[in-house]
Amino acid sequence: MAITRINHFEAKVGSEQALYEFLQSVISVVKKCTGCLGCQLLRSIENPANLVIIEQWDNIESHKQAANAIPPETLKDAFALFAKPPAGVYYAV
């Protein structure tokens, strides 16, 4: 069953562009992962510190396996850009 994952991010003050660029780089990796049907980064018009990634996957397991495609040290560096921990939820039609 195909699923959609919506991930919410909030950048620290002054880190908005850096977080946006980091997430763009992650998307380029995610799109190449097995089971990825689509991935899009959106930035809030009202508050550029708020970002969303919308991912479509063939199933939840494919999404979970794709997390291994991002090197842990890269993810660790990104946490310095977050105002609060990212949050994500799976959805289905």
PDB file of N, CA and C in Angstrom:
ATOM      1  N   MET A   1       0.846  -1.174   0.000  1.00  0.00           N
ATOM      2  CA  MET A   1       0.000   0.000   0.000  1.00  0.00           C
ATOM      3  C   MET A   1       0.896   1.244   0.000  1.00  0.00           C
ATOM      4  N   ALA A   2       0.688   2.142  -0.942  1.00  0.00           N
ATOM      5  CA  ALA A   2       1.444   3.382  -1.016  1.00  0.00           C
ATOM      6  C   ALA A   2       1.082   4.283   0.169  1.00  0.00           C
ATOM      7  N   ILE A   3       2.093   4.985   0.663  1.00  0.00           N
ATOM      8  CA  ILE A   3       1.884   5.881   1.806  1.00  0.00           C
ATOM      9  C   ILE A   3       2.492   7.251   1.512  1.00  0.00           C
ATOM     10  N   THR A   4       2.069   8.232   2.303  1.00  0.00           N
ATOM     11  CA  THR A   4       2.658   9.568   2.262  1.00  0.00           C
ATOM     12  C   THR A   4       3.184   9.868   3.647  1.00  0.00           C
ATOM     13  N   ARG A   5       4.361  10.422   3.697  1.00  0.00           N
ATOM     14  CA  ARG A   5       4.965  10.851   4.968  1.00  0.00           C
ATOM     15  C   ARG A   5       5.125  12.363   4.907  1.00  0.00           C
ATOM     16  N   ILE A   6       4.589  13.057   5.911  1.00  0.00           N
ATOM     17  CA  ILE A   6       4.735  14.510   5.985  1.00  0.00           C
ATOM     18  C   ILE A   6       5.606  14.812   7.196  1.00  0.00           C
ATOM     19  N   ASN A   7       6.728  15.496   6.931  1.00  0.00           N
ATOM     20  CA  ASN A   7       7.724  15.809   7.949  1.00  0.00           C
ATOM     21  C   ASN A   7       7.781  17.313   8.160  1.00  0.00           C
ATOM     22  N   HIS A   8       7.730  17.748   9.425  1.00  0.00           N
ATOM     23  CA  HIS A   8       7.759  19.169   9.767  1.00  0.00           C
ATOM     24  C   HIS A   8       9.106  19.514  10.407  1.00  0.00           C
ATOM     25  N   PHE A   9       9.667  20.650   9.994  1.00  0.00           N
ATOM     26  CA  PHE A   9      10.948  21.126  10.505  1.00  0.00           C
ATOM     27  C   PHE A   9      10.819  22.601  10.857  1.00  0.00           C
ATOM     28  N   GLU A  10      11.504  23.007  11.917  1.00  0.00           N
ATOM     29  CA  GLU A  10      11.572  24.427  12.264  1.00  0.00           C
ATOM     30  C   GLU A  10      13.040  24.780  12.472  1.00  0.00           C
ATOM     31  N   ALA A  11      13.515  25.764  11.717  1.00  0.00           N
ATOM     32  CA  ALA A  11      14.910  26.192  11.800  1.00  0.00           C
ATOM     33  C   ALA A  11      15.123  27.155  12.959  1.00  0.00           C
ATOM     34  N   LYS A  12      16.322  27.083  13.552  1.00  0.00           N
ATOM     35  CA  LYS A  12      16.717  28.090  14.531  1.00  0.00           C
ATOM     36  C   LYS A  12      16.819  29.433  13.829  1.00  0.00           C
ATOM     37  N   VAL A  13      16.626  30.494  14.586  1.00  0.00           N
ATOM     38  CA  VAL A  13      16.772  31.841  14.031  1.00  0.00           C
ATOM     39  C   VAL A  13      18.176  31.970  13.437  1.00  0.00           C
ATOM     40  N   GLY A  14      18.235  32.443  12.212  1.00  0.00           N
ATOM     41  CA  GLY A  14      19.503  32.610  11.513  1.00  0.00           C
ATOM     42  C   GLY A  14      19.955  31.383  10.741  1.00  0.00           C
ATOM     43  N   SER A  15      19.251  30.247  10.907  1.00  0.00           N
ATOM     44  CA  SER A  15      19.621  28.997  10.230  1.00  0.00           C
ATOM     45  C   SER A  15      18.630  28.594   9.155  1.00  0.00           C
ATOM     46  N   GLU A  16      17.705  29.486   8.829  1.00  0.00           N
ATOM     47  CA  GLU A  16      16.630  29.145   7.898  1.00  0.00           C
ATOM     48  C   GLU A  16      17.171  28.674   6.540  1.00  0.00           C
ATOM     49  N   GLN A  17      18.068  29.437   5.948  1.00  0.00           N
ATOM     50  CA  GLN A  17      18.593  29.081   4.626  1.00  0.00           C
ATOM     51  C   GLN A  17      19.474  27.838   4.701  1.00  0.00           C
ATOM     52  N   ALA A  18      20.277  27.728   5.744  1.00  0.00           N
ATOM     53  CA  ALA A  18      21.142  26.556   5.894  1.00  0.00           C
ATOM     54  C   ALA A  18      20.312  25.277   6.019  1.00  0.00           C
ATOM     55  N   LEU A  19      19.216  25.324   6.784  1.00  0.00           N
ATOM     56  CA  LEU A  19      18.365  24.150   6.916  1.00  0.00           C
ATOM     57  C   LEU A  19      17.683  23.834   5.590  1.00  0.00           C
ATOM     58  N   TYR A  20      17.219  24.854   4.900  1.00  0.00           N
ATOM     59  CA  TYR A  20      16.590  24.642   3.591  1.00  0.00           C
ATOM     60  C   TYR A  20      17.563  23.937   2.641  1.00  0.00           C
ATOM     61  N   GLU A  21      18.795  24.411   2.589  1.00  0.00           N
ATOM     62  CA  GLU A  21      19.801  23.816   1.700  1.00  0.00           C
ATOM     63  C   GLU A  21      20.145  22.391   2.123  1.00  0.00           C
ATOM     64  N   PHE A  22      20.232  22.155   3.435  1.00  0.00           N
ATOM     65  CA  PHE A  22      20.488  20.801   3.915  1.00  0.00           C
ATOM     66  C   PHE A  22      19.367  19.859   3.483  1.00  0.00           C
ATOM     67  N   LEU A  23      18.127  20.288   3.693  1.00  0.00           N
ATOM     68  CA  LEU A  23      16.997  19.427   3.329  1.00  0.00           C
ATOM     69  C   LEU A  23      16.940  19.183   1.827  1.00  0.00           C
ATOM     70  N   GLN A  24      17.302  20.168   1.028  1.00  0.00           N
ATOM     71  CA  GLN A  24      17.375  19.957  -0.427  1.00  0.00           C
ATOM     72  C   GLN A  24      18.381  18.856  -0.748  1.00  0.00           C
ATOM     73  N   SER A  25      19.524  18.875  -0.072  1.00  0.00           N
ATOM     74  CA  SER A  25      20.543  17.853  -0.334  1.00  0.00           C
ATOM     75  C   SER A  25      20.051  16.467   0.080  1.00  0.00           C
ATOM     76  N   VAL A  26      19.286  16.399   1.163  1.00  0.00           N
ATOM     77  CA  VAL A  26      18.721  15.121   1.612  1.00  0.00           C
ATOM     78  C   VAL A  26      17.732  14.595   0.586  1.00  0.00           C
ATOM     79  N   ILE A  27      16.915  15.480   0.049  1.00  0.00           N
ATOM     80  CA  ILE A  27      15.918  15.065  -0.943  1.00  0.00           C
ATOM     81  C   ILE A  27      16.580  14.451  -2.168  1.00  0.00           C
ATOM     82  N   SER A  28      17.711  14.992  -2.588  1.00  0.00           N
ATOM     83  CA  SER A  28      18.383  14.427  -3.764  1.00  0.00           C
ATOM     84  C   SER A  28      18.817  12.988  -3.512  1.00  0.00           C
ATOM     85  N   VAL A  29      19.139  12.656  -2.266  1.00  0.00           N
ATOM     86  CA  VAL A  29      19.492  11.282  -1.899  1.00  0.00           C
ATOM     87  C   VAL A  29      18.238  10.423  -1.796  1.00  0.00           C
ATOM     88  N   VAL A  30      17.219  10.929  -1.121  1.00  0.00           N
ATOM     89  CA  VAL A  30      15.981  10.180  -0.884  1.00  0.00           C
ATOM     90  C   VAL A  30      15.314   9.778  -2.193  1.00  0.00           C
ATOM     91  N   LYS A  31      15.302  10.679  -3.168  1.00  0.00           N
ATOM     92  CA  LYS A  31      14.640  10.389  -4.445  1.00  0.00           C
ATOM     93  C   LYS A  31      15.245   9.189  -5.166  1.00  0.00           C
ATOM     94  N   LYS A  32      16.487   8.839  -4.855  1.00  0.00           N
ATOM     95  CA  LYS A  32      17.170   7.712  -5.490  1.00  0.00           C
ATOM     96  C   LYS A  32      16.937   6.394  -4.753  1.00  0.00           C
ATOM     97  N   CYS A  33      16.290   6.446  -3.601  1.00  0.00           N
ATOM     98  CA  CYS A  33      16.086   5.249  -2.783  1.00  0.00           C
ATOM     99  C   CYS A  33      14.981   4.359  -3.353  1.00  0.00           C
ATOM    100  N   THR A  34      15.176   3.072  -3.175  1.00  0.00           N
ATOM    101  CA  THR A  34      14.184   2.089  -3.610  1.00  0.00           C
ATOM    102  C   THR A  34      12.852   2.348  -2.918  1.00  0.00           C
ATOM    103  N   GLY A  35      11.796   2.421  -3.693  1.00  0.00           N
ATOM    104  CA  GLY A  35      10.454   2.599  -3.151  1.00  0.00           C
ATOM    105  C   GLY A  35       9.986   4.033  -3.087  1.00  0.00           C
ATOM    106  N   CYS A  36      10.875   5.000  -3.352  1.00  0.00           N
ATOM    107  CA  CYS A  36      10.462   6.404  -3.315  1.00  0.00           C
ATOM    108  C   CYS A  36       9.671   6.733  -4.578  1.00  0.00           C
ATOM    109  N   LEU A  37       8.467   7.221  -4.381  1.00  0.00           N
ATOM    110  CA  LEU A  37       7.593   7.592  -5.494  1.00  0.00           C
ATOM    111  C   LEU A  37       7.597   9.096  -5.744  1.00  0.00           C
ATOM    112  N   GLY A  38       8.134   9.862  -4.786  1.00  0.00           N
ATOM    113  CA  GLY A  38       8.203  11.310  -4.926  1.00  0.00           C
ATOM    114  C   GLY A  38       8.597  11.950  -3.609  1.00  0.00           C
ATOM    115  N   CYS A  39       9.187  13.143  -3.703  1.00  0.00           N
ATOM    116  CA  CYS A  39       9.636  13.850  -2.511  1.00  0.00           C
ATOM    117  C   CYS A  39       9.715  15.330  -2.846  1.00  0.00           C
ATOM    118  N   GLN A  40       9.137  16.160  -1.972  1.00  0.00           N
ATOM    119  CA  GLN A  40       9.063  17.589  -2.246  1.00  0.00           C
ATOM    120  C   GLN A  40       9.305  18.373  -0.961  1.00  0.00           C
ATOM    121  N   LEU A  41      10.119  19.433  -1.063  1.00  0.00           N
ATOM    122  CA  LEU A  41      10.394  20.331   0.052  1.00  0.00           C
ATOM    123  C   LEU A  41       9.596  21.606  -0.133  1.00  0.00           C
ATOM    124  N   LEU A  42       8.890  22.022   0.926  1.00  0.00           N
ATOM    125  CA  LEU A  42       8.108  23.255   0.895  1.00  0.00           C
ATOM    126  C   LEU A  42       8.558  24.163   2.032  1.00  0.00           C
ATOM    127  N   ARG A  43       8.565  25.479   1.760  1.00  0.00           N
ATOM    128  CA  ARG A  43       8.920  26.469   2.782  1.00  0.00           C
ATOM    129  C   ARG A  43       7.710  27.370   2.991  1.00  0.00           C
ATOM    130  N   SER A  44       7.393  27.638   4.255  1.00  0.00           N
ATOM    131  CA  SER A  44       6.264  28.496   4.586  1.00  0.00           C
ATOM    132  C   SER A  44       6.465  29.899   4.041  1.00  0.00           C
ATOM    133  N   ILE A  45       5.416  30.452   3.463  1.00  0.00           N
ATOM    134  CA  ILE A  45       5.453  31.832   2.974  1.00  0.00           C
ATOM    135  C   ILE A  45       5.421  32.794   4.163  1.00  0.00           C
ATOM    136  N   GLU A  46       4.640  32.467   5.182  1.00  0.00           N
ATOM    137  CA  GLU A  46       4.499  33.345   6.341  1.00  0.00           C
ATOM    138  C   GLU A  46       5.720  33.330   7.253  1.00  0.00           C
ATOM    139  N   ASN A  47       6.382  32.173   7.358  1.00  0.00           N
ATOM    140  CA  ASN A  47       7.528  32.035   8.258  1.00  0.00           C
ATOM    141  C   ASN A  47       8.546  31.089   7.634  1.00  0.00           C
ATOM    142  N   PRO A  48       9.603  31.612   7.019  1.00  0.00           N
ATOM    143  CA  PRO A  48      10.572  30.767   6.325  1.00  0.00           C
ATOM    144  C   PRO A  48      11.336  29.800   7.232  1.00  0.00           C
ATOM    145  N   ALA A  49      11.166  29.910   8.546  1.00  0.00           N
ATOM    146  CA  ALA A  49      11.789  28.943   9.457  1.00  0.00           C
ATOM    147  C   ALA A  49      11.037  27.617   9.452  1.00  0.00           C
ATOM    148  N   ASN A  50       9.785  27.610   8.952  1.00  0.00           N
ATOM    149  CA  ASN A  50       8.964  26.395   8.908  1.00  0.00           C
ATOM    150  C   ASN A  50       9.062  25.743   7.544  1.00  0.00           C
ATOM    151  N   LEU A  51       9.500  24.487   7.564  1.00  0.00           N
ATOM    152  CA  LEU A  51       9.687  23.710   6.342  1.00  0.00           C
ATOM    153  C   LEU A  51       8.948  22.388   6.464  1.00  0.00           C
ATOM    154  N   VAL A  52       8.530  21.855   5.322  1.00  0.00           N
ATOM    155  CA  VAL A  52       7.836  20.574   5.271  1.00  0.00           C
ATOM    156  C   VAL A  52       8.422  19.765   4.124  1.00  0.00           C
ATOM    157  N   ILE A  53       8.624  18.481   4.379  1.00  0.00           N
ATOM    158  CA  ILE A  53       8.961  17.553   3.297  1.00  0.00           C
ATOM    159  C   ILE A  53       7.787  16.586   3.179  1.00  0.00           C
ATOM    160  N   ILE A  54       7.290  16.466   1.957  1.00  0.00           N
ATOM    161  CA  ILE A  54       6.207  15.521   1.668  1.00  0.00           C
ATOM    162  C   ILE A  54       6.811  14.410   0.820  1.00  0.00           C
ATOM    163  N   GLU A  55       6.746  13.190   1.341  1.00  0.00           N
ATOM    164  CA  GLU A  55       7.326  12.033   0.666  1.00  0.00           C
ATOM    165  C   GLU A  55       6.229  11.037   0.316  1.00  0.00           C
ATOM    166  N   GLN A  56       6.342  10.425  -0.852  1.00  0.00           N
ATOM    167  CA  GLN A  56       5.459   9.325  -1.235  1.00  0.00           C
ATOM    168  C   GLN A  56       6.330   8.080  -1.387  1.00  0.00           C
ATOM    169  N   TRP A  57       5.854   6.989  -0.793  1.00  0.00           N
ATOM    170  CA  TRP A  57       6.599   5.726  -0.783  1.00  0.00           C
ATOM    171  C   TRP A  57       5.677   4.570  -1.148  1.00  0.00           C
ATOM    172  N   ASP A  58       6.298   3.499  -1.636  1.00  0.00           N
ATOM    173  CA  ASP A  58       5.503   2.312  -1.940  1.00  0.00           C
ATOM    174  C   ASP A  58       5.014   1.632  -0.670  1.00  0.00           C
ATOM    175  N   ASN A  59       5.763   1.797   0.453  1.00  0.00           N
ATOM    176  CA  ASN A  59       5.329   1.278   1.742  1.00  0.00           C
ATOM    177  C   ASN A  59       6.180   1.898   2.864  1.00  0.00           C
ATOM    178  N   ILE A  60       5.775   1.695   4.094  1.00  0.00           N
ATOM    179  CA  ILE A  60       6.469   2.286   5.241  1.00  0.00           C
ATOM    180  C   ILE A  60       7.877   1.718   5.374  1.00  0.00           C
ATOM    181  N   GLU A  61       8.030   0.442   5.136  1.00  0.00           N
ATOM    182  CA  GLU A  61       9.351  -0.187   5.277  1.00  0.00           C
ATOM    183  C   GLU A  61      10.375   0.445   4.337  1.00  0.00           C
ATOM    184  N   SER A  62       9.983   0.761   3.122  1.00  0.00           N
ATOM    185  CA  SER A  62      10.902   1.428   2.189  1.00  0.00           C
ATOM    186  C   SER A  62      11.350   2.769   2.748  1.00  0.00           C
ATOM    187  N   HIS A  63      10.422   3.508   3.335  1.00  0.00           N
ATOM    188  CA  HIS A  63      10.777   4.799   3.934  1.00  0.00           C
ATOM    189  C   HIS A  63      11.780   4.604   5.063  1.00  0.00           C
ATOM    190  N   LYS A  64      11.535   3.648   5.919  1.00  0.00           N
ATOM    191  CA  LYS A  64      12.430   3.402   7.048  1.00  0.00           C
ATOM    192  C   LYS A  64      13.818   2.980   6.581  1.00  0.00           C
ATOM    193  N   GLN A  65      13.900   2.163   5.539  1.00  0.00           N
ATOM    194  CA  GLN A  65      15.193   1.746   5.006  1.00  0.00           C
ATOM    195  C   GLN A  65      15.939   2.918   4.381  1.00  0.00           C
ATOM    196  N   ALA A  66      15.216   3.860   3.798  1.00  0.00           N
ATOM    197  CA  ALA A  66      15.841   5.020   3.156  1.00  0.00           C
ATOM    198  C   ALA A  66      16.565   5.900   4.169  1.00  0.00           C
ATOM    199  N   ALA A  67      16.137   5.874   5.412  1.00  0.00           N
ATOM    200  CA  ALA A  67      16.802   6.677   6.444  1.00  0.00           C
ATOM    201  C   ALA A  67      18.269   6.297   6.570  1.00  0.00           C
ATOM    202  N   ASN A  68      18.605   5.072   6.225  1.00  0.00           N
ATOM    203  CA  ASN A  68      19.999   4.613   6.286  1.00  0.00           C
ATOM    204  C   ASN A  68      20.857   5.193   5.172  1.00  0.00           C
ATOM    205  N   ALA A  69      20.242   5.803   4.180  1.00  0.00           N
ATOM    206  CA  ALA A  69      20.991   6.378   3.059  1.00  0.00           C
ATOM    207  C   ALA A  69      21.675   7.688   3.437  1.00  0.00           C
ATOM    208  N   ILE A  70      21.231   8.315   4.515  1.00  0.00           N
ATOM    209  CA  ILE A  70      21.817   9.573   4.976  1.00  0.00           C
ATOM    210  C   ILE A  70      22.856   9.231   6.044  1.00  0.00           C
ATOM    211  N   PRO A  71      24.112   9.609   5.831  1.00  0.00           N
ATOM    212  CA  PRO A  71      25.145   9.286   6.831  1.00  0.00           C
ATOM    213  C   PRO A  71      24.799   9.880   8.206  1.00  0.00           C
ATOM    214  N   PRO A  72      24.968   9.097   9.276  1.00  0.00           N
ATOM    215  CA  PRO A  72      24.621   9.570  10.627  1.00  0.00           C
ATOM    216  C   PRO A  72      25.320  10.877  11.007  1.00  0.00           C
ATOM    217  N   GLU A  73      26.566  11.047  10.602  1.00  0.00           N
ATOM    218  CA  GLU A  73      27.281  12.276  10.952  1.00  0.00           C
ATOM    219  C   GLU A  73      26.660  13.486  10.260  1.00  0.00           C
ATOM    220  N   THR A  74      26.097  13.288   9.073  1.00  0.00           N
ATOM    221  CA  THR A  74      25.413  14.366   8.359  1.00  0.00           C
ATOM    222  C   THR A  74      24.149  14.765   9.107  1.00  0.00           C
ATOM    223  N   LEU A  75      23.393  13.779   9.556  1.00  0.00           N
ATOM    224  CA  LEU A  75      22.180  14.058  10.323  1.00  0.00           C
ATOM    225  C   LEU A  75      22.512  14.740  11.646  1.00  0.00           C
ATOM    226  N   LYS A  76      23.583  14.306  12.286  1.00  0.00           N
ATOM    227  CA  LYS A  76      23.982  14.912  13.555  1.00  0.00           C
ATOM    228  C   LYS A  76      24.285  16.395  13.366  1.00  0.00           C
ATOM    229  N   ASP A  77      24.980  16.747  12.297  1.00  0.00           N
ATOM    230  CA  ASP A  77      25.288  18.149  12.012  1.00  0.00           C
ATOM    231  C   ASP A  77      24.012  18.969  11.791  1.00  0.00           C
ATOM    232  N   ALA A  78      23.011  18.358  11.179  1.00  0.00           N
ATOM    233  CA  ALA A  78      21.768  19.060  10.880  1.00  0.00           C
ATOM    234  C   ALA A  78      21.012  19.433  12.150  1.00  0.00           C
ATOM    235  N   PHE A  79      21.156  18.655  13.209  1.00  0.00           N
ATOM    236  CA  PHE A  79      20.409  18.941  14.440  1.00  0.00           C
ATOM    237  C   PHE A  79      20.780  20.297  15.025  1.00  0.00           C
ATOM    238  N   ALA A  80      21.946  20.806  14.691  1.00  0.00           N
ATOM    239  CA  ALA A  80      22.337  22.140  15.148  1.00  0.00           C
ATOM    240  C   ALA A  80      21.493  23.234  14.488  1.00  0.00           C
ATOM    241  N   LEU A  81      20.809  22.900  13.411  1.00  0.00           N
ATOM    242  CA  LEU A  81      19.992  23.863  12.672  1.00  0.00           C
ATOM    243  C   LEU A  81      18.537  23.898  13.138  1.00  0.00           C
ATOM    244  N   PHE A  82      18.114  22.894  13.894  1.00  0.00           N
ATOM    245  CA  PHE A  82      16.721  22.766  14.297  1.00  0.00           C
ATOM    246  C   PHE A  82      16.400  23.576  15.552  1.00  0.00           C
ATOM    247  N   ALA A  83      15.275  24.283  15.530  1.00  0.00           N
ATOM    248  CA  ALA A  83      14.785  24.966  16.725  1.00  0.00           C
ATOM    249  C   ALA A  83      14.142  23.969  17.685  1.00  0.00           C
ATOM    250  N   LYS A  84      13.581  22.894  17.122  1.00  0.00           N
ATOM    251  CA  LYS A  84      12.985  21.814  17.911  1.00  0.00           C
ATOM    252  C   LYS A  84      13.106  20.544  17.089  1.00  0.00           C
ATOM    253  N   PRO A  85      12.955  19.383  17.706  1.00  0.00           N
ATOM    254  CA  PRO A  85      13.103  18.131  16.957  1.00  0.00           C
ATOM    255  C   PRO A  85      12.082  18.049  15.797  1.00  0.00           C
ATOM    256  N   PRO A  86      12.514  17.501  14.668  1.00  0.00           N
ATOM    257  CA  PRO A  86      11.586  17.303  13.557  1.00  0.00           C
ATOM    258  C   PRO A  86      10.475  16.332  13.952  1.00  0.00           C
ATOM    259  N   ALA A  87       9.345  16.444  13.257  1.00  0.00           N
ATOM    260  CA  ALA A  87       8.211  15.549  13.510  1.00  0.00           C
ATOM    261  C   ALA A  87       7.673  15.068  12.175  1.00  0.00           C
ATOM    262  N   GLY A  88       7.264  13.802  12.129  1.00  0.00           N
ATOM    263  CA  GLY A  88       6.713  13.249  10.906  1.00  0.00           C
ATOM    264  C   GLY A  88       5.608  12.260  11.193  1.00  0.00           C
ATOM    265  N   VAL A  89       4.671  12.163  10.245  1.00  0.00           N
ATOM    266  CA  VAL A  89       3.518  11.273  10.380  1.00  0.00           C
ATOM    267  C   VAL A  89       3.271  10.594   9.042  1.00  0.00           C
ATOM    268  N   TYR A  90       2.892   9.317   9.103  1.00  0.00           N
ATOM    269  CA  TYR A  90       2.505   8.566   7.893  1.00  0.00           C
ATOM    270  C   TYR A  90       1.010   8.748   7.641  1.00  0.00           C
ATOM    271  N   TYR A  91       0.670   8.819   6.340  1.00  0.00           N
ATOM    272  CA  TYR A  91      -0.725   8.926   5.919  1.00  0.00           C
ATOM    273  C   TYR A  91      -0.992   7.943   4.788  1.00  0.00           C
ATOM    274  N   ALA A  92      -2.237   7.513   4.671  1.00  0.00           N
ATOM    275  CA  ALA A  92      -2.668   6.658   3.568  1.00  0.00           C
ATOM    276  C   ALA A  92      -4.016   7.167   3.052  1.00  0.00           C
ATOM    277  N   VAL A  93      -4.295   6.837   1.812  1.00  0.00           N
ATOM    278  CA  VAL A  93      -5.579   7.230   1.207  1.00  0.00           C
ATOM    279  C   VAL A  93      -6.656   6.318   1.742  1.00  0.00           C
TER     280      VAL A  93
END
